[in-house]
Amino acid sequence: MDPGRFSQGLTLLGGAFYLYLLLFRPDQGAMAFAIGLILGSAVLAYGEKPFPVPLFAGIAALIALLQLFFGHPLPYALGLLLGVGLPYLLYRLRRPRR
């Protein structure tokens, strides 16, 4: 599977999870996880090599700061780590060895 498509799928999964939580089961910690997953999977774009997208990195850092003081920082950080880490791990596993 292509890391870029996997990253897009994680973004859509996080968005669907957030919408489900918003409409049916409001839980602030799970919503923070969903937002972290959305932004984490959008922070890196995959072309020849992964490169950071400054807009999404800035938004993720701003929301991390807000979550640290006013919200749920651990679920948000877990969502960010999964959103960034899983597609990057897939990229590293698929990259040809030299």
PDB file of N, CA and C in Angstrom:
ATOM      1  N   MET A   1       0.832  -1.172   0.000  1.00  0.00           N
ATOM      2  CA  MET A   1       0.000   0.000   0.000  1.00  0.00           C
ATOM      3  C   MET A   1       0.884   1.245   0.000  1.00  0.00           C
ATOM      4  N   ASP A   2       0.464   2.247  -0.707  1.00  0.00           N
ATOM      5  CA  ASP A   2       1.181   3.504  -0.811  1.00  0.00           C
ATOM      6  C   ASP A   2       1.039   4.302   0.489  1.00  0.00           C
ATOM      7  N   PRO A   3       2.129   4.828   1.038  1.00  0.00           N
ATOM      8  CA  PRO A   3       2.031   5.591   2.291  1.00  0.00           C
ATOM      9  C   PRO A   3       1.151   6.834   2.178  1.00  0.00           C
ATOM     10  N   GLY A   4       1.146   7.478   1.008  1.00  0.00           N
ATOM     11  CA  GLY A   4       0.307   8.656   0.817  1.00  0.00           C
ATOM     12  C   GLY A   4      -1.173   8.311   0.886  1.00  0.00           C
ATOM     13  N   ARG A   5      -1.546   7.215   0.256  1.00  0.00           N
ATOM     14  CA  ARG A   5      -2.955   6.785   0.293  1.00  0.00           C
ATOM     15  C   ARG A   5      -3.340   6.314   1.690  1.00  0.00           C
ATOM     16  N   PHE A   6      -2.413   5.656   2.372  1.00  0.00           N
ATOM     17  CA  PHE A   6      -2.676   5.234   3.744  1.00  0.00           C
ATOM     18  C   PHE A   6      -2.870   6.436   4.660  1.00  0.00           C
ATOM     19  N   SER A   7      -2.058   7.468   4.448  1.00  0.00           N
ATOM     20  CA  SER A   7      -2.183   8.689   5.227  1.00  0.00           C
ATOM     21  C   SER A   7      -3.529   9.369   4.965  1.00  0.00           C
ATOM     22  N   GLN A   8      -3.963   9.395   3.718  1.00  0.00           N
ATOM     23  CA  GLN A   8      -5.272   9.966   3.392  1.00  0.00           C
ATOM     24  C   GLN A   8      -6.393   9.149   4.027  1.00  0.00           C
ATOM     25  N   GLY A   9      -6.236   7.850   4.035  1.00  0.00           N
ATOM     26  CA  GLY A   9      -7.234   6.995   4.672  1.00  0.00           C
ATOM     27  C   GLY A   9      -7.325   7.233   6.173  1.00  0.00           C
ATOM     28  N   LEU A  10      -6.169   7.434   6.821  1.00  0.00           N
ATOM     29  CA  LEU A  10      -6.180   7.756   8.248  1.00  0.00           C
ATOM     30  C   LEU A  10      -6.856   9.098   8.518  1.00  0.00           C
ATOM     31  N   THR A  11      -6.639  10.057   7.629  1.00  0.00           N
ATOM     32  CA  THR A  11      -7.303  11.350   7.776  1.00  0.00           C
ATOM     33  C   THR A  11      -8.815  11.185   7.689  1.00  0.00           C
ATOM     34  N   LEU A  12      -9.278  10.434   6.721  1.00  0.00           N
ATOM     35  CA  LEU A  12     -10.720  10.201   6.583  1.00  0.00           C
ATOM     36  C   LEU A  12     -11.274   9.389   7.750  1.00  0.00           C
ATOM     37  N   LEU A  13     -10.519   8.416   8.229  1.00  0.00           N
ATOM     38  CA  LEU A  13     -10.948   7.636   9.385  1.00  0.00           C
ATOM     39  C   LEU A  13     -11.074   8.515  10.624  1.00  0.00           C
ATOM     40  N   GLY A  14     -10.099   9.389  10.836  1.00  0.00           N
ATOM     41  CA  GLY A  14     -10.168  10.317  11.959  1.00  0.00           C
ATOM     42  C   GLY A  14     -11.345  11.267  11.841  1.00  0.00           C
ATOM     43  N   GLY A  15     -11.621  11.738  10.626  1.00  0.00           N
ATOM     44  CA  GLY A  15     -12.771  12.616  10.412  1.00  0.00           C
ATOM     45  C   GLY A  15     -14.090  11.910  10.659  1.00  0.00           C
ATOM     46  N   ALA A  16     -14.204  10.672  10.205  1.00  0.00           N
ATOM     47  CA  ALA A  16     -15.429   9.906  10.442  1.00  0.00           C
ATOM     48  C   ALA A  16     -15.600   9.596  11.929  1.00  0.00           C
ATOM     49  N   PHE A  17     -14.509   9.286  12.606  1.00  0.00           N
ATOM     50  CA  PHE A  17     -14.561   9.018  14.041  1.00  0.00           C
ATOM     51  C   PHE A  17     -14.986  10.268  14.810  1.00  0.00           C
ATOM     52  N   TYR A  18     -14.443  11.426  14.423  1.00  0.00           N
ATOM     53  CA  TYR A  18     -14.813  12.678  15.066  1.00  0.00           C
ATOM     54  C   TYR A  18     -16.294  12.994  14.844  1.00  0.00           C
ATOM     55  N   LEU A  19     -16.764  12.807  13.637  1.00  0.00           N
ATOM     56  CA  LEU A  19     -18.177  13.063  13.338  1.00  0.00           C
ATOM     57  C   LEU A  19     -19.085  12.126  14.124  1.00  0.00           C
ATOM     58  N   TYR A  20     -18.694  10.859  14.217  1.00  0.00           N
ATOM     59  CA  TYR A  20     -19.470   9.904  15.020  1.00  0.00           C
ATOM     60  C   TYR A  20     -19.532  10.343  16.481  1.00  0.00           C
ATOM     61  N   LEU A  21     -18.383  10.736  17.014  1.00  0.00           N
ATOM     62  CA  LEU A  21     -18.345  11.178  18.411  1.00  0.00           C
ATOM     63  C   LEU A  21     -19.150  12.451  18.618  1.00  0.00           C
ATOM     64  N   LEU A  22     -19.076  13.345  17.673  1.00  0.00           N
ATOM     65  CA  LEU A  22     -19.792  14.604  17.786  1.00  0.00           C
ATOM     66  C   LEU A  22     -21.297  14.392  17.785  1.00  0.00           C
ATOM     67  N   LEU A  23     -21.765  13.483  16.949  1.00  0.00           N
ATOM     68  CA  LEU A  23     -23.217  13.300  16.804  1.00  0.00           C
ATOM     69  C   LEU A  23     -23.812  12.297  17.787  1.00  0.00           C
ATOM     70  N   PHE A  24     -23.090  11.227  18.106  1.00  0.00           N
ATOM     71  CA  PHE A  24     -23.711  10.143  18.857  1.00  0.00           C
ATOM     72  C   PHE A  24     -23.163   9.931  20.260  1.00  0.00           C
ATOM     73  N   ARG A  25     -21.865  10.062  20.453  1.00  0.00           N
ATOM     74  CA  ARG A  25     -21.263   9.798  21.758  1.00  0.00           C
ATOM     75  C   ARG A  25     -20.244  10.873  22.107  1.00  0.00           C
ATOM     76  N   PRO A  26     -20.680  12.008  22.587  1.00  0.00           N
ATOM     77  CA  PRO A  26     -19.724  13.079  22.892  1.00  0.00           C
ATOM     78  C   PRO A  26     -18.742  12.681  23.995  1.00  0.00           C
ATOM     79  N   ASP A  27     -17.480  12.673  23.672  1.00  0.00           N
ATOM     80  CA  ASP A  27     -16.406  12.367  24.617  1.00  0.00           C
ATOM     81  C   ASP A  27     -15.211  13.227  24.232  1.00  0.00           C
ATOM     82  N   GLN A  28     -14.827  14.135  25.104  1.00  0.00           N
ATOM     83  CA  GLN A  28     -13.788  15.103  24.779  1.00  0.00           C
ATOM     84  C   GLN A  28     -12.420  14.460  24.552  1.00  0.00           C
ATOM     85  N   GLY A  29     -12.086  13.439  25.323  1.00  0.00           N
ATOM     86  CA  GLY A  29     -10.801  12.767  25.136  1.00  0.00           C
ATOM     87  C   GLY A  29     -10.717  12.053  23.797  1.00  0.00           C
ATOM     88  N   ALA A  30     -11.792  11.373  23.422  1.00  0.00           N
ATOM     89  CA  ALA A  30     -11.806  10.675  22.133  1.00  0.00           C
ATOM     90  C   ALA A  30     -11.818  11.665  20.974  1.00  0.00           C
ATOM     91  N   MET A  31     -12.476  12.815  21.163  1.00  0.00           N
ATOM     92  CA  MET A  31     -12.448  13.839  20.117  1.00  0.00           C
ATOM     93  C   MET A  31     -11.045  14.410  19.953  1.00  0.00           C
ATOM     94  N   ALA A  32     -10.328  14.575  21.051  1.00  0.00           N
ATOM     95  CA  ALA A  32      -8.943  15.041  20.967  1.00  0.00           C
ATOM     96  C   ALA A  32      -8.086  14.013  20.224  1.00  0.00           C
ATOM     97  N   PHE A  33      -8.325  12.727  20.468  1.00  0.00           N
ATOM     98  CA  PHE A  33      -7.606  11.672  19.740  1.00  0.00           C
ATOM     99  C   PHE A  33      -7.906  11.756  18.245  1.00  0.00           C
ATOM    100  N   ALA A  34      -9.175  11.944  17.894  1.00  0.00           N
ATOM    101  CA  ALA A  34      -9.560  12.010  16.480  1.00  0.00           C
ATOM    102  C   ALA A  34      -8.923  13.213  15.791  1.00  0.00           C
ATOM    103  N   ILE A  35      -8.920  14.359  16.452  1.00  0.00           N
ATOM    104  CA  ILE A  35      -8.284  15.547  15.874  1.00  0.00           C
ATOM    105  C   ILE A  35      -6.781  15.322  15.724  1.00  0.00           C
ATOM    106  N   GLY A  36      -6.164  14.679  16.706  1.00  0.00           N
ATOM    107  CA  GLY A  36      -4.737  14.360  16.594  1.00  0.00           C
ATOM    108  C   GLY A  36      -4.455  13.422  15.439  1.00  0.00           C
ATOM    109  N   LEU A  37      -5.331  12.451  15.230  1.00  0.00           N
ATOM    110  CA  LEU A  37      -5.163  11.515  14.112  1.00  0.00           C
ATOM    111  C   LEU A  37      -5.303  12.231  12.775  1.00  0.00           C
ATOM    112  N   ILE A  38      -6.273  13.124  12.681  1.00  0.00           N
ATOM    113  CA  ILE A  38      -6.475  13.879  11.442  1.00  0.00           C
ATOM    114  C   ILE A  38      -5.239  14.725  11.132  1.00  0.00           C
ATOM    115  N   LEU A  39      -4.808  15.502  12.110  1.00  0.00           N
ATOM    116  CA  LEU A  39      -3.676  16.401  11.861  1.00  0.00           C
ATOM    117  C   LEU A  39      -2.358  15.646  11.742  1.00  0.00           C
ATOM    118  N   GLY A  40      -2.202  14.588  12.517  1.00  0.00           N
ATOM    119  CA  GLY A  40      -0.962  13.819  12.443  1.00  0.00           C
ATOM    120  C   GLY A  40      -0.763  13.179  11.084  1.00  0.00           C
ATOM    121  N   SER A  41      -1.836  12.692  10.496  1.00  0.00           N
ATOM    122  CA  SER A  41      -1.685  12.065   9.187  1.00  0.00           C
ATOM    123  C   SER A  41      -1.578  13.093   8.070  1.00  0.00           C
ATOM    124  N   ALA A  42      -1.904  14.358   8.349  1.00  0.00           N
ATOM    125  CA  ALA A  42      -1.776  15.402   7.332  1.00  0.00           C
ATOM    126  C   ALA A  42      -0.460  16.170   7.445  1.00  0.00           C
ATOM    127  N   VAL A  43       0.295  15.967   8.513  1.00  0.00           N
ATOM    128  CA  VAL A  43       1.528  16.731   8.726  1.00  0.00           C
ATOM    129  C   VAL A  43       2.594  16.373   7.701  1.00  0.00           C
ATOM    130  N   LEU A  44       2.713  15.116   7.337  1.00  0.00           N
ATOM    131  CA  LEU A  44       3.708  14.704   6.348  1.00  0.00           C
ATOM    132  C   LEU A  44       3.019  14.370   5.035  1.00  0.00           C
ATOM    133  N   ALA A  45       3.585  14.873   3.948  1.00  0.00           N
ATOM    134  CA  ALA A  45       3.118  14.511   2.612  1.00  0.00           C
ATOM    135  C   ALA A  45       4.165  13.574   2.002  1.00  0.00           C
ATOM    136  N   TYR A  46       3.710  12.631   1.234  1.00  0.00           N
ATOM    137  CA  TYR A  46       4.610  11.608   0.702  1.00  0.00           C
ATOM    138  C   TYR A  46       4.724  11.763  -0.801  1.00  0.00           C
ATOM    139  N   GLY A  47       5.915  12.097  -1.254  1.00  0.00           N
ATOM    140  CA  GLY A  47       6.247  12.142  -2.667  1.00  0.00           C
ATOM    141  C   GLY A  47       7.414  11.204  -2.873  1.00  0.00           C
ATOM    142  N   GLU A  48       8.495  11.752  -3.412  1.00  0.00           N
ATOM    143  CA  GLU A  48       9.730  10.966  -3.499  1.00  0.00           C
ATOM    144  C   GLU A  48      10.232  10.641  -2.102  1.00  0.00           C
ATOM    145  N   LYS A  49      10.184  11.660  -1.232  1.00  0.00           N
ATOM    146  CA  LYS A  49      10.510  11.503   0.184  1.00  0.00           C
ATOM    147  C   LYS A  49       9.412  12.190   0.991  1.00  0.00           C
ATOM    148  N   PRO A  50       9.218  11.778   2.239  1.00  0.00           N
ATOM    149  CA  PRO A  50       8.234  12.496   3.061  1.00  0.00           C
ATOM    150  C   PRO A  50       8.726  13.919   3.373  1.00  0.00           C
ATOM    151  N   PHE A  51       7.832  14.871   3.282  1.00  0.00           N
ATOM    152  CA  PHE A  51       8.187  16.239   3.625  1.00  0.00           C
ATOM    153  C   PHE A  51       7.057  16.851   4.446  1.00  0.00           C
ATOM    154  N   PRO A  52       7.412  17.705   5.411  1.00  0.00           N
ATOM    155  CA  PRO A  52       6.386  18.307   6.272  1.00  0.00           C
ATOM    156  C   PRO A  52       5.589  19.379   5.535  1.00  0.00           C
ATOM    157  N   VAL A  53       4.317  19.455   5.854  1.00  0.00           N
ATOM    158  CA  VAL A  53       3.442  20.499   5.327  1.00  0.00           C
ATOM    159  C   VAL A  53       3.345  21.562   6.423  1.00  0.00           C
ATOM    160  N   PRO A  54       3.921  22.747   6.188  1.00  0.00           N
ATOM    161  CA  PRO A  54       4.008  23.745   7.261  1.00  0.00           C
ATOM    162  C   PRO A  54       2.653  24.173   7.829  1.00  0.00           C
ATOM    163  N   LEU A  55       1.632  24.289   7.015  1.00  0.00           N
ATOM    164  CA  LEU A  55       0.327  24.722   7.507  1.00  0.00           C
ATOM    165  C   LEU A  55      -0.212  23.738   8.544  1.00  0.00           C
ATOM    166  N   PHE A  56      -0.196  22.449   8.207  1.00  0.00           N
ATOM    167  CA  PHE A  56      -0.723  21.448   9.132  1.00  0.00           C
ATOM    168  C   PHE A  56       0.179  21.264  10.344  1.00  0.00           C
ATOM    169  N   ALA A  57       1.483  21.421  10.166  1.00  0.00           N
ATOM    170  CA  ALA A  57       2.399  21.329  11.307  1.00  0.00           C
ATOM    171  C   ALA A  57       2.156  22.482  12.283  1.00  0.00           C
ATOM    172  N   GLY A  58       1.918  23.672  11.764  1.00  0.00           N
ATOM    173  CA  GLY A  58       1.630  24.811  12.620  1.00  0.00           C
ATOM    174  C   GLY A  58       0.307  24.666  13.355  1.00  0.00           C
ATOM    175  N   ILE A  59      -0.710  24.190  12.658  1.00  0.00           N
ATOM    176  CA  ILE A  59      -2.011  23.979  13.296  1.00  0.00           C
ATOM    177  C   ILE A  59      -1.903  22.899  14.362  1.00  0.00           C
ATOM    178  N   ALA A  60      -1.163  21.828  14.061  1.00  0.00           N
ATOM    179  CA  ALA A  60      -0.991  20.752  15.039  1.00  0.00           C
ATOM    180  C   ALA A  60      -0.256  21.253  16.279  1.00  0.00           C
ATOM    181  N   ALA A  61       0.752  22.098  16.088  1.00  0.00           N
ATOM    182  CA  ALA A  61       1.492  22.639  17.235  1.00  0.00           C
ATOM    183  C   ALA A  61       0.616  23.582  18.053  1.00  0.00           C
ATOM    184  N   LEU A  62      -0.184  24.403  17.396  1.00  0.00           N
ATOM    185  CA  LEU A  62      -1.078  25.319  18.103  1.00  0.00           C
ATOM    186  C   LEU A  62      -2.121  24.555  18.913  1.00  0.00           C
ATOM    187  N   ILE A  63      -2.713  23.548  18.313  1.00  0.00           N
ATOM    188  CA  ILE A  63      -3.708  22.760  19.039  1.00  0.00           C
ATOM    189  C   ILE A  63      -3.047  21.963  20.159  1.00  0.00           C
ATOM    190  N   ALA A  64      -1.808  21.502  19.959  1.00  0.00           N
ATOM    191  CA  ALA A  64      -1.096  20.800  21.033  1.00  0.00           C
ATOM    192  C   ALA A  64      -0.885  21.720  22.221  1.00  0.00           C
ATOM    193  N   LEU A  65      -0.543  22.970  21.953  1.00  0.00           N
ATOM    194  CA  LEU A  65      -0.371  23.935  23.033  1.00  0.00           C
ATOM    195  C   LEU A  65      -1.695  24.183  23.760  1.00  0.00           C
ATOM    196  N   LEU A  66      -2.770  24.326  23.008  1.00  0.00           N
ATOM    197  CA  LEU A  66      -4.081  24.516  23.626  1.00  0.00           C
ATOM    198  C   LEU A  66      -4.514  23.287  24.417  1.00  0.00           C
ATOM    199  N   GLN A  67      -4.257  22.109  23.871  1.00  0.00           N
ATOM    200  CA  GLN A  67      -4.621  20.881  24.576  1.00  0.00           C
ATOM    201  C   GLN A  67      -3.810  20.732  25.858  1.00  0.00           C
ATOM    202  N   LEU A  68      -2.583  21.186  25.835  1.00  0.00           N
ATOM    203  CA  LEU A  68      -1.730  21.076  27.010  1.00  0.00           C
ATOM    204  C   LEU A  68      -2.292  21.876  28.183  1.00  0.00           C
ATOM    205  N   PHE A  69      -2.823  23.046  27.902  1.00  0.00           N
ATOM    206  CA  PHE A  69      -3.310  23.904  28.978  1.00  0.00           C
ATOM    207  C   PHE A  69      -4.801  23.752  29.265  1.00  0.00           C
ATOM    208  N   PHE A  70      -5.615  23.455  28.257  1.00  0.00           N
ATOM    209  CA  PHE A  70      -7.059  23.488  28.441  1.00  0.00           C
ATOM    210  C   PHE A  70      -7.790  22.200  28.077  1.00  0.00           C
ATOM    211  N   GLY A  71      -7.104  21.152  27.673  1.00  0.00           N
ATOM    212  CA  GLY A  71      -7.820  20.001  27.145  1.00  0.00           C
ATOM    213  C   GLY A  71      -7.285  18.676  27.623  1.00  0.00           C
ATOM    214  N   HIS A  72      -7.163  17.767  26.681  1.00  0.00           N
ATOM    215  CA  HIS A  72      -6.732  16.389  26.931  1.00  0.00           C
ATOM    216  C   HIS A  72      -5.463  16.133  26.122  1.00  0.00           C
ATOM    217  N   PRO A  73      -4.286  16.419  26.700  1.00  0.00           N
ATOM    218  CA  PRO A  73      -3.062  16.325  25.910  1.00  0.00           C
ATOM    219  C   PRO A  73      -2.634  14.901  25.566  1.00  0.00           C
ATOM    220  N   LEU A  74      -2.886  13.931  26.425  1.00  0.00           N
ATOM    221  CA  LEU A  74      -2.414  12.569  26.137  1.00  0.00           C
ATOM    222  C   LEU A  74      -3.157  11.918  24.971  1.00  0.00           C
ATOM    223  N   PRO A  75      -4.486  11.958  24.915  1.00  0.00           N
ATOM    224  CA  PRO A  75      -5.139  11.383  23.730  1.00  0.00           C
ATOM    225  C   PRO A  75      -4.767  12.119  22.447  1.00  0.00           C
ATOM    226  N   TYR A  76      -4.603  13.435  22.536  1.00  0.00           N
ATOM    227  CA  TYR A  76      -4.202  14.202  21.350  1.00  0.00           C
ATOM    228  C   TYR A  76      -2.805  13.787  20.889  1.00  0.00           C
ATOM    229  N   ALA A  77      -1.882  13.647  21.831  1.00  0.00           N
ATOM    230  CA  ALA A  77      -0.525  13.241  21.481  1.00  0.00           C
ATOM    231  C   ALA A  77      -0.496  11.829  20.905  1.00  0.00           C
ATOM    232  N   LEU A  78      -1.316  10.939  21.448  1.00  0.00           N
ATOM    233  CA  LEU A  78      -1.390   9.581  20.900  1.00  0.00           C
ATOM    234  C   LEU A  78      -1.920   9.597  19.470  1.00  0.00           C
ATOM    235  N   GLY A  79      -2.941  10.407  19.212  1.00  0.00           N
ATOM    236  CA  GLY A  79      -3.463  10.537  17.852  1.00  0.00           C
ATOM    237  C   GLY A  79      -2.426  11.103  16.901  1.00  0.00           C
ATOM    238  N   LEU A  80      -1.675  12.114  17.360  1.00  0.00           N
ATOM    239  CA  LEU A  80      -0.608  12.674  16.529  1.00  0.00           C
ATOM    240  C   LEU A  80       0.462  11.631  16.216  1.00  0.00           C
ATOM    241  N   LEU A  81       0.870  10.899  17.235  1.00  0.00           N
ATOM    242  CA  LEU A  81       1.921   9.890  17.017  1.00  0.00           C
ATOM    243  C   LEU A  81       1.472   8.799  16.060  1.00  0.00           C
ATOM    244  N   LEU A  82       0.237   8.348  16.218  1.00  0.00           N
ATOM    245  CA  LEU A  82      -0.265   7.327  15.294  1.00  0.00           C
ATOM    246  C   LEU A  82      -0.431   7.885  13.886  1.00  0.00           C
ATOM    247  N   GLY A  83      -0.919   9.111  13.783  1.00  0.00           N
ATOM    248  CA  GLY A  83      -1.129   9.723  12.474  1.00  0.00           C
ATOM    249  C   GLY A  83       0.169   9.957  11.718  1.00  0.00           C
ATOM    250  N   VAL A  84       1.212  10.322  12.422  1.00  0.00           N
ATOM    251  CA  VAL A  84       2.503  10.540  11.770  1.00  0.00           C
ATOM    252  C   VAL A  84       3.255   9.227  11.630  1.00  0.00           C
ATOM    253  N   GLY A  85       3.211   8.407  12.665  1.00  0.00           N
ATOM    254  CA  GLY A  85       4.063   7.226  12.723  1.00  0.00           C
ATOM    255  C   GLY A  85       3.668   6.075  11.820  1.00  0.00           C
ATOM    256  N   LEU A  86       2.393   5.781  11.718  1.00  0.00           N
ATOM    257  CA  LEU A  86       1.985   4.624  10.916  1.00  0.00           C
ATOM    258  C   LEU A  86       2.288   4.787   9.420  1.00  0.00           C
ATOM    259  N   PRO A  87       1.944   5.920   8.779  1.00  0.00           N
ATOM    260  CA  PRO A  87       2.333   6.056   7.369  1.00  0.00           C
ATOM    261  C   PRO A  87       3.850   6.128   7.173  1.00  0.00           C
ATOM    262  N   TYR A  88       4.561   6.750   8.119  1.00  0.00           N
ATOM    263  CA  TYR A  88       6.014   6.821   7.986  1.00  0.00           C
ATOM    264  C   TYR A  88       6.642   5.434   8.127  1.00  0.00           C
ATOM    265  N   LEU A  89       6.105   4.634   9.028  1.00  0.00           N
ATOM    266  CA  LEU A  89       6.587   3.259   9.167  1.00  0.00           C
ATOM    267  C   LEU A  89       6.334   2.477   7.882  1.00  0.00           C
ATOM    268  N   LEU A  90       5.178   2.672   7.284  1.00  0.00           N
ATOM    269  CA  LEU A  90       4.881   2.016   6.011  1.00  0.00           C
ATOM    270  C   LEU A  90       5.847   2.490   4.926  1.00  0.00           C
ATOM    271  N   TYR A  91       6.167   3.781   4.914  1.00  0.00           N
ATOM    272  CA  TYR A  91       7.143   4.310   3.953  1.00  0.00           C
ATOM    273  C   TYR A  91       8.510   3.662   4.165  1.00  0.00           C
ATOM    274  N   ARG A  92       8.945   3.564   5.423  1.00  0.00           N
ATOM    275  CA  ARG A  92      10.252   2.974   5.700  1.00  0.00           C
ATOM    276  C   ARG A  92      10.301   1.496   5.345  1.00  0.00           C
ATOM    277  N   LEU A  93       9.195   0.785   5.519  1.00  0.00           N
ATOM    278  CA  LEU A  93       9.177  -0.636   5.189  1.00  0.00           C
ATOM    279  C   LEU A  93       9.139  -0.876   3.686  1.00  0.00           C
ATOM    280  N   ARG A  94       8.558   0.043   2.932  1.00  0.00           N
ATOM    281  CA  ARG A  94       8.445  -0.132   1.479  1.00  0.00           C
ATOM    282  C   ARG A  94       9.623   0.433   0.716  1.00  0.00           C
ATOM    283  N   ARG A  95      10.438   1.268   1.343  1.00  0.00           N
ATOM    284  CA  ARG A  95      11.568   1.899   0.679  1.00  0.00           C
ATOM    285  C   ARG A  95      12.594   0.836   0.284  1.00  0.00           C
ATOM    286  N   PRO A  96      13.058   0.865  -0.953  1.00  0.00           N
ATOM    287  CA  PRO A  96      14.059  -0.134  -1.370  1.00  0.00           C
ATOM    288  C   PRO A  96      15.399   0.104  -0.670  1.00  0.00           C
ATOM    289  N   ARG A  97      16.053  -0.978  -0.349  1.00  0.00           N
ATOM    290  CA  ARG A  97      17.372  -0.921   0.308  1.00  0.00           C
ATOM    291  C   ARG A  97      18.435  -0.593  -0.722  1.00  0.00           C
ATOM    292  N   ARG A  98      19.472   0.117  -0.284  1.00  0.00           N
ATOM    293  CA  ARG A  98      20.580   0.445  -1.216  1.00  0.00           C
ATOM    294  C   ARG A  98      21.844  -0.185  -0.748  1.00  0.00           C
TER     295      ARG A  98
END
